[in-house]
Protein backbone atom coordinates (compact mmCIF):
# COMPACT_ATOMS: atom_id res chain seq x y z
CA MET A 1 16.16 -39.69 -97.71
CA ASP A 2 14.36 -40.12 -101.01
CA ILE A 3 15.38 -43.23 -102.91
CA PHE A 4 14.06 -43.20 -106.43
CA ALA A 5 14.97 -45.58 -109.19
CA GLU A 6 13.32 -46.74 -112.37
CA GLY A 7 13.06 -50.48 -112.75
CA PRO A 8 10.71 -53.12 -114.06
CA GLU A 9 7.01 -52.58 -113.50
CA LEU A 10 4.73 -55.18 -111.96
CA ASP A 11 3.38 -57.60 -114.58
CA ARG A 12 -0.21 -56.76 -115.47
CA GLN A 13 -1.47 -60.15 -114.24
CA TRP A 14 -0.71 -59.08 -110.65
CA LEU A 15 -2.13 -55.54 -110.83
CA ASP A 16 -5.66 -56.40 -109.69
CA LEU A 17 -4.67 -58.88 -107.00
CA SER A 18 -5.19 -57.88 -103.37
CA ASN A 19 -2.21 -57.98 -101.04
CA ASN A 20 -1.08 -61.55 -100.59
CA ALA A 21 2.25 -61.04 -98.81
CA TRP A 22 3.16 -59.54 -95.46
CA GLY A 23 6.34 -59.50 -93.48
CA VAL A 24 8.57 -57.85 -90.92
CA LEU A 25 12.26 -57.10 -91.22
CA HIS A 26 13.81 -56.96 -87.73
CA GLY A 27 16.80 -54.94 -86.60
CA CYS A 28 16.36 -51.96 -88.90
CA HIS A 29 14.31 -48.82 -88.49
CA ASP A 30 15.59 -46.86 -91.50
CA THR A 31 13.39 -47.72 -94.47
CA SER A 32 15.65 -45.71 -96.79
CA VAL A 33 18.42 -48.26 -96.16
CA VAL A 34 16.04 -51.10 -97.02
CA ALA A 35 14.79 -49.28 -100.14
CA ALA A 36 18.38 -48.73 -101.26
CA ARG A 37 19.09 -52.48 -100.94
CA PHE A 38 16.09 -53.28 -103.15
CA VAL A 39 17.24 -50.68 -105.69
CA GLY A 40 20.68 -52.28 -105.65
CA ALA A 41 18.99 -55.55 -106.62
CA GLY A 42 17.37 -53.87 -109.65
CA TRP A 43 13.97 -52.96 -108.20
CA SER A 44 12.29 -49.60 -108.68
CA SER A 45 11.60 -47.45 -105.64
CA ARG A 46 9.65 -44.32 -104.85
CA SER A 47 8.58 -42.56 -101.68
CA SER A 48 5.02 -43.33 -100.63
CA SER A 49 4.92 -41.36 -97.34
CA TRP A 50 7.30 -39.51 -95.01
CA TYR A 51 9.19 -42.71 -94.23
CA GLY A 52 7.58 -45.31 -96.49
CA TYR A 53 8.56 -46.60 -99.89
CA GLU A 54 6.91 -48.50 -102.69
CA LEU A 55 9.23 -51.12 -104.16
CA GLU A 56 8.51 -52.88 -107.41
CA THR A 57 9.79 -55.45 -109.85
CA SER A 58 7.99 -57.52 -112.49
CA TRP A 59 6.85 -60.15 -109.96
CA CYS A 60 6.33 -58.13 -106.77
CA GLN A 61 5.11 -54.78 -105.50
CA MET A 62 5.76 -54.02 -101.82
CA GLU A 63 5.18 -51.12 -99.47
CA ILE A 64 7.66 -50.75 -96.62
CA ASP A 65 7.04 -48.65 -93.53
CA PRO A 66 8.79 -48.36 -90.17
CA ILE A 67 6.92 -49.75 -87.17
CA ASP A 68 7.61 -49.76 -83.41
CA GLY A 69 11.17 -50.57 -82.52
CA PRO A 70 13.80 -51.39 -85.08
CA LYS A 71 11.37 -53.08 -87.50
CA VAL A 72 10.18 -52.52 -91.04
CA LEU A 73 6.75 -53.71 -92.14
CA LEU A 74 6.39 -55.14 -95.66
CA ASN A 75 3.09 -55.73 -97.42
CA GLY A 76 2.01 -56.11 -100.99
CA VAL A 77 1.58 -58.45 -103.91
CA VAL A 78 4.01 -61.17 -104.89
CA ASP A 79 3.86 -63.85 -107.55
CA PRO A 80 3.79 -66.97 -105.33
CA ALA A 81 6.37 -68.61 -107.61
CA HIS A 82 8.84 -65.88 -106.56
CA LEU A 83 8.34 -65.93 -102.79
CA ASP A 84 11.67 -67.72 -102.37
CA ASP A 85 13.36 -64.99 -104.45
CA LEU A 86 11.96 -62.35 -102.11
CA SER A 87 13.09 -64.43 -99.14
CA ARG A 88 16.63 -64.73 -100.54
CA LEU A 89 16.79 -60.97 -101.10
CA LEU A 90 15.66 -60.25 -97.53
CA GLY A 91 18.13 -62.86 -96.28
CA SER A 92 20.96 -61.04 -98.06
CA PHE A 93 20.35 -58.03 -95.79
CA GLY A 94 21.71 -60.06 -92.86
CA LEU A 95 18.71 -59.25 -90.65
CA PRO A 96 16.04 -61.57 -89.26
CA TYR A 97 12.74 -61.46 -91.14
CA GLU A 98 9.36 -63.11 -91.40
CA LEU A 99 7.26 -63.49 -94.56
CA GLU A 100 3.71 -64.76 -94.97
CA LEU A 101 1.90 -65.63 -98.17
CA SER A 102 -1.87 -65.97 -98.33
CA ASP A 103 -4.27 -67.15 -100.99
CA GLU A 104 -7.18 -65.27 -102.57
CA HIS A 105 -9.32 -66.09 -99.49
CA ASN A 106 -6.68 -64.68 -97.08
CA ALA A 107 -5.81 -68.15 -95.82
CA LEU A 108 -2.17 -68.57 -94.85
CA VAL A 109 -0.43 -70.64 -97.52
CA ARG A 110 3.21 -70.35 -96.52
CA GLU A 111 5.38 -68.79 -93.84
CA ILE A 112 9.12 -68.20 -94.05
CA ARG A 113 11.46 -67.06 -91.29
CA GLY A 114 15.01 -66.15 -91.94
């Protein structure tokens, strides 16, 4: 299923930053369902592969892809000040998740499990 929605674009200050956020959403293998939840929260979404989506708002740009088992991989760029916002959104899905934030040297800065 293609989920497409226009929403806010990533702020320019985050455009050149390498990925600093990774995560796994457990208990779901349908990325279109996850993309639809992000769209419902006001994010933009577009297909990036057969089953993957690029999700974006002014403070975060994430790719989601299915991985082995009922899991969805998340990776992208997030404004560190909004990591808790991303965590709350994932928590609202009612599924277990893990998020990691790293610094510009790829050192783990913070880990959240929900």
